[in-house]
Amino acid sequence: MNRWEKVGMRESPDDAASFFDEARLRVPPKSATPSLREALGPERGRKLSVFERSYHYKRFPARWAFRAVDLLGETFFRKTRERPQAIRRVLLMRPDHIGDVVCTLPAIHALRASLPEAQIDLLIRSSARSLFWNMDEELGGVDFLVFNASWRDRPKRKKFGFLSMNRLRRLLRLRAEEIGGSYDLAVDLAGDFQSIVAARLAGVRYLVGRGIRGFGFGLDVEAEEFPKRHQVEFNLDMLEHAGLGPFETKNPALTLSEEELAEGRACIASLTEDTSGSFIGIHPGAGGRERIWSPKLYGELISRVVSTLPARVLLLGGPDDRQVVDETLKSMKGVRVRGTIIDMCEKVQHLRSLMGVMKACRLFIGNDSGPTHIAAALGLPVICIFQGPAEPSVWGPRGPNVLVLRKSPSSIGDTHKDKENQELERVYEAVKRCV
């Protein structure tokens, strides 16, 4: 049995059929009629009971502790609030990482189109702010609240981040004074109890979210978890739970200005005299070690690519990726050919510049990471090597030319070396088809 299985690609309809047929059975398609979607999808505009809720805690004591808190909350503090008739001030909360924010882009555009006259604030981390630098016109003046939630840090330093939660409450209070009143509607896309508590204490009038990490009793409407629904779909569904829509699903999309494209080419030119030929961008890092494909296999893949294909490799990454890039380079064992492998890790100082470099590539290869989601949103051909705890049908990058490879159960009797060879061969064959 092949150790790697295809999750989604554009090579031919037959290649992707098994995955997408399965997805259609589980995910209410956005192209369906409203009556069919209503039959397939969860009930809109209601609160889930504590026993309907799926808690995203790995440990049994934590799950039951938050279930008990929610049960007490539903018993003593449950309050029914009506959705305001006029939605003038809206808060969309996604204080998460870059890949998560990329998956939110279609929902942000849909919200702006649905409420063209409303004041819309988007709560995001500082690392994601530059994604929106050239979107002022198309988003119609969406404002940004930059907030680095400690409970979303990587690596995680604070277990619950209560002090950070209180800072968020103060930030939302101050913002309400600036815009002339509390938010009429807030949508928490991440499902953090800290965001629920902060929004309630800040006086939000109507709150839509997910109670997956507790305090779901504080929501006015809760979006039900649905197996294998992609985050792009789920984010749009959250807005529909808020009484907006329905919305058509679109893939996340990012664009660059001519100046940014030129800056990317100039960045490459500063590291190599020859800028002709095809470049393959490879980002071997990710937000967690469990999401990283073996640096040894990345090294073997790069060595094979530059030795057999008419392409050169740009190794991409930031300061946090330096170690894994060094491990990748060391694993090449002298196979490196001068000028065919360009180490650009830490050489690109800004995310928009990195996007310009990526756009100059013919192909992008990476793990389940923010840069991989960005490459897909830029419209690049992408090979995503997916491993770790996340489900690719939920968190895989979405774009017009994306191939996601994930591990499938290995054959009985396969040695560790056999497994590695199968993985390497699978990825290399995918690269050959793209180049």
Protein backbone atom coordinates (compact mmCIF):
# COMPACT_ATOMS: atom_id res chain seq x y z
CA MET A 1 0.00 0.00 0.00
CA ASN A 2 1.25 3.49 -0.81
CA ARG A 3 2.35 5.28 2.30
CA TRP A 4 1.07 8.57 0.95
CA GLU A 5 -2.41 9.30 -0.28
CA LYS A 6 -3.71 12.24 -2.27
CA VAL A 7 -6.16 14.51 -0.53
CA GLY A 8 -6.88 17.07 -3.24
CA MET A 9 -5.34 18.05 -6.57
CA ARG A 10 -6.12 19.37 -10.02
CA GLU A 11 -4.29 16.73 -12.04
CA SER A 12 -7.50 15.03 -13.20
CA PRO A 13 -11.05 14.64 -11.91
CA ASP A 14 -10.56 10.95 -11.23
CA ASP A 15 -7.56 11.53 -8.94
CA ALA A 16 -9.53 13.67 -6.51
CA ALA A 17 -12.90 11.99 -6.85
CA SER A 18 -12.72 9.75 -3.81
CA PHE A 19 -11.87 12.60 -1.48
CA PHE A 20 -14.40 15.10 -2.80
CA ASP A 21 -17.22 12.55 -3.03
CA GLU A 22 -16.64 11.77 0.65
CA ALA A 23 -16.59 15.48 1.46
CA ARG A 24 -19.90 16.08 -0.30
CA LEU A 25 -21.54 13.51 1.93
CA ARG A 26 -20.46 15.39 5.04
CA VAL A 27 -20.34 19.07 4.13
CA PRO A 28 -23.42 21.06 3.12
CA PRO A 29 -22.38 22.32 -0.35
CA LYS A 30 -22.62 26.07 -0.80
CA SER A 31 -23.91 25.60 -4.33
CA ALA A 32 -27.00 23.71 -3.14
CA THR A 33 -30.42 25.29 -2.97
CA PRO A 34 -31.36 26.91 0.37
CA SER A 35 -33.87 24.14 1.15
CA LEU A 36 -31.30 21.39 0.49
CA ARG A 37 -28.62 23.17 2.47
CA GLU A 38 -31.02 23.62 5.36
CA ALA A 39 -31.73 19.89 5.30
CA LEU A 40 -28.04 19.00 5.16
CA GLY A 41 -26.68 21.64 7.52
CA PRO A 42 -27.08 22.34 11.24
CA GLU A 43 -30.02 24.30 12.57
CA ARG A 44 -29.33 28.01 12.30
CA GLY A 45 -29.65 30.54 15.09
CA ARG A 46 -29.79 28.40 18.22
CA LYS A 47 -27.76 27.57 21.30
CA LEU A 48 -26.34 24.11 21.80
CA SER A 49 -26.88 22.31 25.06
CA VAL A 50 -23.85 21.32 27.10
CA PHE A 51 -24.31 17.68 26.07
CA GLU A 52 -24.42 18.49 22.35
CA ARG A 53 -21.13 20.35 22.47
CA SER A 54 -17.83 18.80 21.35
CA TYR A 55 -15.01 20.05 23.60
CA HIS A 56 -11.56 20.39 22.05
CA TYR A 57 -9.52 19.26 25.04
CA LYS A 58 -7.38 16.14 24.77
CA ARG A 59 -7.45 15.29 28.46
CA PHE A 60 -10.59 13.85 29.98
CA PRO A 61 -10.46 15.94 33.23
CA ALA A 62 -10.27 19.20 31.27
CA ARG A 63 -13.23 18.25 29.07
CA TRP A 64 -15.42 17.42 32.03
CA ALA A 65 -14.28 20.43 34.05
CA PHE A 66 -15.41 22.81 31.31
CA ARG A 67 -18.57 20.79 30.74
CA ALA A 68 -19.38 21.21 34.43
CA VAL A 69 -18.71 24.97 34.25
CA ASP A 70 -21.01 25.25 31.24
CA LEU A 71 -23.71 23.21 32.96
CA LEU A 72 -23.62 25.58 35.94
CA GLY A 73 -23.60 28.56 33.62
CA GLU A 74 -26.61 27.32 31.68
CA THR A 75 -28.45 26.67 34.91
CA PHE A 76 -27.82 29.98 36.68
CA PHE A 77 -26.63 32.54 34.10
CA ARG A 78 -28.37 31.60 30.85
CA LYS A 79 -29.93 34.62 29.21
CA THR A 80 -31.89 34.87 25.97
CA ARG A 81 -30.90 37.86 23.86
CA GLU A 82 -32.53 38.90 20.61
CA ARG A 83 -30.39 39.82 17.65
CA PRO A 84 -30.45 43.61 17.17
CA GLN A 85 -32.54 44.71 14.21
CA ALA A 86 -29.92 47.24 13.13
CA ILE A 87 -26.32 45.99 12.89
CA ARG A 88 -24.15 49.10 12.89
CA ARG A 89 -21.01 47.92 14.73
CA VAL A 90 -19.50 44.46 14.17
CA LEU A 91 -16.49 42.70 15.68
CA LEU A 92 -14.89 39.68 13.97
CA MET A 93 -12.41 37.93 16.29
CA ARG A 94 -9.54 35.83 14.91
CA PRO A 95 -6.49 36.49 17.20
CA ASP A 96 -4.85 33.44 15.66
CA HIS A 97 -1.97 32.52 13.36
CA ILE A 98 -1.43 33.40 9.72
CA GLY A 99 -2.83 30.22 8.19
CA ASP A 100 -6.01 30.55 10.25
CA VAL A 101 -6.44 34.17 9.15
CA VAL A 102 -5.93 33.22 5.49
CA CYS A 103 -8.82 30.75 5.85
CA THR A 104 -10.92 33.65 7.19
CA LEU A 105 -10.42 35.90 4.14
CA PRO A 106 -13.60 34.78 2.29
CA ALA A 107 -15.67 35.38 5.44
CA ILE A 108 -14.20 38.87 5.86
CA HIS A 109 -15.12 39.79 2.29
CA ALA A 110 -18.58 38.27 2.68
CA LEU A 111 -19.20 40.21 5.88
CA ARG A 112 -18.17 43.48 4.25
CA ALA A 113 -20.44 42.82 1.25
CA SER A 114 -23.37 41.86 3.51
CA LEU A 115 -23.07 44.95 5.74
CA PRO A 116 -21.64 47.68 3.48
CA GLU A 117 -22.53 50.52 5.85
CA ALA A 118 -21.53 48.90 9.15
CA GLN A 119 -18.45 49.65 11.21
CA ILE A 120 -16.48 46.38 11.04
CA ASP A 121 -13.49 45.71 13.29
CA LEU A 122 -11.24 42.71 12.76
CA LEU A 123 -9.30 41.45 15.79
CA ILE A 124 -6.04 39.79 14.67
CA ARG A 125 -2.46 39.18 15.81
CA SER A 126 0.28 41.58 14.73
CA SER A 127 1.88 38.86 12.58
CA ALA A 128 -1.20 38.77 10.33
CA ARG A 129 -1.68 42.52 9.89
CA SER A 130 0.40 42.83 6.72
CA LEU A 131 -1.84 40.35 4.90
CA PHE A 132 -4.32 43.22 4.52
CA TRP A 133 -1.98 46.01 3.44
CA ASN A 134 -3.44 46.50 -0.05
CA MET A 135 -7.07 45.58 0.72
CA ASP A 136 -8.33 48.97 1.91
CA GLU A 137 -10.40 49.57 -1.22
CA GLU A 138 -11.95 46.11 -1.57
CA LEU A 139 -12.76 45.81 2.14
CA GLY A 140 -14.29 49.27 2.27
CA GLY A 141 -12.52 50.54 5.36
CA VAL A 142 -12.49 47.55 7.70
CA ASP A 143 -10.56 48.58 10.81
CA PHE A 144 -8.06 46.36 12.59
CA LEU A 145 -7.58 45.76 16.29
CA VAL A 146 -4.13 44.24 16.74
CA PHE A 147 -4.03 42.01 19.79
CA ASN A 148 -1.53 39.25 20.57
CA ALA A 149 -3.54 36.82 22.68
CA SER A 150 -1.15 35.02 25.02
CA TRP A 151 -3.30 31.87 24.99
CA ARG A 152 -2.54 31.58 21.24
CA ASP A 153 1.24 31.94 21.53
CA ARG A 154 3.55 29.34 20.00
CA PRO A 155 5.12 27.81 21.96
CA LYS A 156 2.39 28.18 24.54
CA ARG A 157 3.63 30.09 27.59
CA LYS A 158 0.36 30.78 29.39
CA LYS A 159 -2.12 27.99 30.05
CA PHE A 160 -5.22 30.17 30.11
CA GLY A 161 -4.00 33.76 29.72
CA PHE A 162 -6.33 35.45 32.19
CA LEU A 163 -4.31 38.68 32.27
CA SER A 164 -4.35 38.82 28.49
CA MET A 165 -8.10 38.20 28.57
CA ASN A 166 -8.55 41.22 30.84
CA ARG A 167 -6.45 43.35 28.47
CA LEU A 168 -8.73 42.30 25.64
CA ARG A 169 -11.77 43.34 27.68
CA ARG A 170 -10.25 46.80 28.22
CA LEU A 171 -9.34 47.11 24.55
CA LEU A 172 -12.91 46.33 23.47
CA ARG A 173 -14.30 48.77 26.04
CA LEU A 174 -12.06 51.58 24.79
CA ARG A 175 -12.93 50.78 21.18
CA ALA A 176 -16.65 50.93 22.00
CA GLU A 177 -16.15 54.46 23.31
CA GLU A 178 -14.34 55.44 20.09
CA ILE A 179 -17.03 54.14 17.74
CA GLY A 180 -19.97 55.46 19.73
CA GLY A 181 -21.34 52.36 21.43
CA SER A 182 -20.95 48.65 22.11
CA TYR A 183 -20.76 46.18 19.27
CA ASP A 184 -24.19 45.09 18.03
CA LEU A 185 -22.71 41.81 16.79
CA ALA A 186 -19.49 39.94 17.56
CA VAL A 187 -18.39 36.68 15.93
CA ASP A 188 -15.66 34.62 17.58
CA LEU A 189 -14.19 32.39 14.88
CA ALA A 190 -11.48 30.73 16.98
CA GLY A 191 -13.69 29.29 19.73
CA ASP A 192 -11.72 30.55 22.74
CA PHE A 193 -13.46 30.95 26.09
CA GLN A 194 -11.20 33.95 26.75
CA SER A 195 -12.71 35.79 23.77
CA ILE A 196 -16.25 34.90 24.89
CA VAL A 197 -15.67 36.21 28.41
CA ALA A 198 -13.89 39.39 27.22
CA ALA A 199 -16.64 40.17 24.70
CA ARG A 200 -19.38 39.68 27.29
CA LEU A 201 -17.63 41.85 29.86
CA ALA A 202 -17.10 44.50 27.18
CA GLY A 203 -20.86 44.73 26.61
CA VAL A 204 -21.29 43.02 23.22
CA ARG A 205 -25.03 42.88 22.53
CA TYR A 206 -25.16 39.68 20.44
CA LEU A 207 -22.39 37.08 20.40
CA VAL A 208 -21.96 34.20 17.93
CA GLY A 209 -19.21 31.65 18.34
CA ARG A 210 -18.10 28.16 19.27
CA GLY A 211 -18.15 26.74 22.78
CA ILE A 212 -15.49 24.11 22.02
CA ARG A 213 -13.14 25.39 24.75
CA GLY A 214 -15.74 26.26 27.34
CA PHE A 215 -18.11 29.06 28.38
CA GLY A 216 -20.48 28.27 25.53
CA PHE A 217 -23.34 29.35 27.80
CA GLY A 218 -22.17 32.92 27.22
CA LEU A 219 -22.98 32.73 23.50
CA ASP A 220 -26.27 33.80 21.99
CA VAL A 221 -25.85 31.48 19.01
CA GLU A 222 -23.42 28.60 18.76
CA ALA A 223 -22.19 27.06 15.51
CA GLU A 224 -22.36 23.30 15.63
CA GLU A 225 -19.23 21.31 14.85
CA PHE A 226 -19.54 19.29 11.65
CA PRO A 227 -17.04 16.53 10.72
CA LYS A 228 -14.64 17.31 7.87
CA ARG A 229 -16.08 20.75 7.14
CA HIS A 230 -13.26 22.96 5.94
CA GLN A 231 -12.50 26.10 7.92
CA VAL A 232 -13.30 28.30 4.93
CA GLU A 233 -16.80 26.80 4.88
CA PHE A 234 -17.16 26.89 8.64
CA ASN A 235 -16.21 30.57 8.89
CA LEU A 236 -18.90 31.44 6.34
CA ASP A 237 -21.38 29.27 8.22
CA MET A 238 -20.61 31.24 11.38
CA LEU A 239 -21.80 34.40 9.63
CA GLU A 240 -24.93 32.60 8.49
CA HIS A 241 -25.57 31.56 12.10
CA ALA A 242 -25.39 35.28 12.87
CA GLY A 243 -28.34 35.87 10.53
CA LEU A 244 -26.33 37.02 7.51
CA GLY A 245 -25.96 35.41 4.11
CA PRO A 246 -26.30 32.85 2.60
CA PHE A 247 -22.85 33.12 1.07
CA GLU A 248 -21.16 31.45 -1.84
CA THR A 249 -17.88 29.72 -1.00
CA LYS A 250 -14.75 31.21 -2.53
CA ASN A 251 -11.15 30.21 -2.02
CA PRO A 252 -8.91 32.60 -0.06
CA ALA A 253 -7.21 35.03 -2.44
CA LEU A 254 -4.28 37.38 -2.00
CA THR A 255 -2.80 39.80 -4.53
CA LEU A 256 0.43 41.74 -4.73
CA SER A 257 1.20 45.12 -6.27
CA GLU A 258 3.71 45.50 -9.08
CA GLU A 259 6.09 47.11 -6.60
CA GLU A 260 5.87 44.10 -4.28
CA LEU A 261 6.46 41.69 -7.16
CA ALA A 262 9.50 43.70 -8.20
CA GLU A 263 10.76 43.70 -4.61
CA GLY A 264 10.52 39.91 -4.52
CA ARG A 265 12.54 39.58 -7.72
CA ALA A 266 15.10 42.05 -6.41
CA CYS A 267 15.46 40.06 -3.21
CA ILE A 268 16.30 36.94 -5.23
CA ALA A 269 18.69 38.92 -7.44
CA SER A 270 20.57 40.13 -4.35
CA LEU A 271 21.54 36.52 -3.56
CA THR A 272 22.28 35.14 -7.03
CA GLU A 273 23.67 36.65 -10.22
CA ASP A 274 21.60 34.34 -12.42
CA THR A 275 17.87 34.91 -12.00
CA SER A 276 16.86 32.96 -15.09
CA GLY A 277 15.18 29.56 -15.06
CA SER A 278 12.53 28.08 -12.81
CA PHE A 279 12.54 28.48 -9.04
CA ILE A 280 10.90 26.11 -6.58
CA GLY A 281 10.20 27.66 -3.19
CA ILE A 282 10.51 25.26 -0.27
CA HIS A 283 9.54 26.15 3.29
CA PRO A 284 10.51 23.20 5.53
CA GLY A 285 9.32 24.78 8.78
CA ALA A 286 5.95 24.97 10.54
CA GLY A 287 4.35 26.24 13.74
CA GLY A 288 4.94 22.94 15.57
CA ARG A 289 7.52 20.21 15.22
CA GLU A 290 4.81 17.59 14.81
CA ARG A 291 3.77 19.30 11.54
CA ILE A 292 7.24 19.22 9.99
CA TRP A 293 8.18 16.62 7.41
CA SER A 294 11.62 15.14 8.07
CA PRO A 295 14.43 17.65 7.28
CA LYS A 296 16.44 14.63 6.12
CA LEU A 297 13.79 13.81 3.52
CA TYR A 298 13.54 17.46 2.52
CA GLY A 299 17.29 17.40 1.94
CA GLU A 300 17.08 14.25 -0.18
CA LEU A 301 14.16 15.70 -2.15
CA ILE A 302 16.05 18.93 -2.87
CA SER A 303 19.19 17.03 -3.88
CA ARG A 304 17.19 14.91 -6.31
CA VAL A 305 15.31 17.90 -7.72
CA VAL A 306 18.39 20.01 -8.49
CA SER A 307 20.22 16.98 -9.91
CA THR A 308 17.48 15.75 -12.24
CA LEU A 309 15.09 18.61 -13.00
CA PRO A 310 15.55 22.00 -14.72
CA ALA A 311 14.84 23.95 -11.55
CA ARG A 312 16.55 25.74 -8.70
CA VAL A 313 15.46 25.79 -5.08
CA LEU A 314 14.81 28.76 -2.81
CA LEU A 315 14.90 27.68 0.85
CA LEU A 316 12.48 30.00 2.66
CA GLY A 317 11.87 30.71 6.33
CA GLY A 318 12.06 33.16 9.18
CA PRO A 319 14.14 33.20 12.38
CA ASP A 320 12.07 30.38 13.90
CA ASP A 321 12.85 28.19 10.89
CA ARG A 322 16.64 28.53 11.04
CA GLN A 323 17.22 25.24 12.83
CA VAL A 324 15.13 23.11 10.49
CA VAL A 325 16.64 24.80 7.42
CA ASP A 326 20.14 24.08 8.75
CA GLU A 327 19.15 20.44 9.35
CA THR A 328 17.87 20.27 5.78
CA LEU A 329 21.11 21.68 4.35
CA LYS A 330 23.29 19.34 6.41
CA SER A 331 21.40 16.30 5.16
CA MET A 332 22.42 16.95 1.54
CA LYS A 333 25.88 15.43 2.09
CA GLY A 334 27.79 17.39 -0.53
CA VAL A 335 25.23 16.99 -3.31
CA ARG A 336 24.66 20.74 -3.43
CA VAL A 337 25.52 22.36 -6.76
CA ARG A 338 26.67 25.97 -6.70
CA GLY A 339 23.83 28.33 -7.55
CA THR A 340 21.10 25.70 -7.62
CA ILE A 341 20.14 26.00 -3.93
CA ILE A 342 19.72 29.48 -2.48
CA ASP A 343 19.33 29.79 1.28
CA MET A 344 16.90 32.67 1.82
CA CYS A 345 16.00 31.82 5.41
CA GLU A 346 16.06 35.05 7.46
CA LYS A 347 17.07 36.99 4.32
CA VAL A 348 13.54 38.32 3.75
CA GLN A 349 12.62 40.77 6.48
CA HIS A 350 8.91 41.26 5.91
CA LEU A 351 5.93 39.04 5.13
CA ARG A 352 4.95 41.06 2.03
CA SER A 353 8.51 40.72 0.72
CA LEU A 354 8.35 36.97 1.33
CA MET A 355 5.10 36.87 -0.63
CA GLY A 356 6.86 38.64 -3.50
CA VAL A 357 9.62 36.02 -3.47
CA MET A 358 7.05 33.21 -3.39
CA LYS A 359 5.20 34.68 -6.36
CA ALA A 360 8.43 34.47 -8.39
CA CYS A 361 8.42 30.67 -7.91
CA ARG A 362 6.97 28.16 -10.31
CA LEU A 363 6.07 25.79 -7.47
CA PHE A 364 5.83 25.99 -3.68
CA ILE A 365 6.41 23.04 -1.34
CA GLY A 366 5.73 23.21 2.39
CA ASN A 367 4.15 21.68 5.46
CA ASP A 368 0.87 22.55 7.16
CA SER A 369 1.95 26.13 7.79
CA GLY A 370 1.03 29.77 7.25
CA PRO A 371 3.33 30.26 4.23
CA THR A 372 1.73 27.25 2.51
CA HIS A 373 -1.73 28.78 2.96
CA ILE A 374 -0.39 32.09 1.62
CA ALA A 375 1.14 30.40 -1.44
CA ALA A 376 -2.20 28.73 -2.22
CA ALA A 377 -4.04 32.06 -1.80
CA LEU A 378 -1.55 33.69 -4.19
CA GLY A 379 -2.58 31.15 -6.83
CA LEU A 380 0.72 29.30 -6.91
CA PRO A 381 0.93 25.56 -7.64
CA VAL A 382 1.36 24.12 -4.14
CA ILE A 383 2.40 20.75 -2.75
CA CYS A 384 1.49 20.56 0.94
CA ILE A 385 3.03 17.70 2.91
CA PHE A 386 0.47 17.20 5.64
CA GLN A 387 1.13 15.37 8.88
CA GLY A 388 0.48 15.90 12.56
CA PRO A 389 -2.81 16.08 14.46
CA ALA A 390 -4.77 18.38 12.13
CA GLU A 391 -7.22 17.01 9.57
CA PRO A 392 -6.32 18.10 6.00
CA SER A 393 -9.95 18.15 4.85
CA VAL A 394 -10.51 20.79 7.57
CA TRP A 395 -7.21 22.69 7.58
CA GLY A 396 -5.58 21.97 4.22
CA PRO A 397 -4.66 24.96 2.02
CA ARG A 398 -7.25 25.87 -0.59
CA GLY A 399 -6.41 27.26 -3.98
CA PRO A 400 -6.76 26.65 -7.72
CA ASN A 401 -3.63 24.45 -7.94
CA VAL A 402 -3.14 22.65 -4.64
CA LEU A 403 -2.04 19.09 -3.98
CA VAL A 404 -2.15 17.85 -0.39
CA LEU A 405 -0.23 14.69 0.49
CA ARG A 406 -0.77 12.98 3.80
CA LYS A 407 0.40 9.72 5.33
CA SER A 408 -1.76 6.65 5.06
CA PRO A 409 -1.26 3.40 6.99
CA SER A 410 1.91 1.59 5.91
CA SER A 411 2.06 -1.97 4.65
CA ILE A 412 2.86 -4.77 7.07
CA GLY A 413 6.54 -5.58 7.01
CA ASP A 414 7.72 -2.18 5.80
CA THR A 415 10.95 -1.08 7.45
CA HIS A 416 11.56 2.52 8.50
CA LYS A 417 13.79 2.97 5.45
CA ASP A 418 11.07 1.54 3.18
CA LYS A 419 8.57 4.01 4.58
CA GLU A 420 10.91 6.94 4.05
CA ASN A 421 11.66 5.86 0.48
CA GLN A 422 7.95 5.60 -0.29
CA GLU A 423 7.31 9.07 1.14
CA LEU A 424 10.21 10.60 -0.77
CA GLU A 425 9.23 8.95 -4.04
CA ARG A 426 5.62 10.10 -3.71
CA VAL A 427 6.59 13.73 -3.19
CA TYR A 428 9.25 13.64 -5.93
CA GLU A 429 6.77 12.24 -8.47
CA ALA A 430 4.40 15.09 -7.60
CA VAL A 431 7.19 17.64 -8.12
CA LYS A 432 8.07 16.13 -11.52
CA ARG A 433 4.47 16.51 -12.70
CA CYS A 434 4.47 20.16 -11.67
CA VAL A 435 7.88 21.06 -13.14
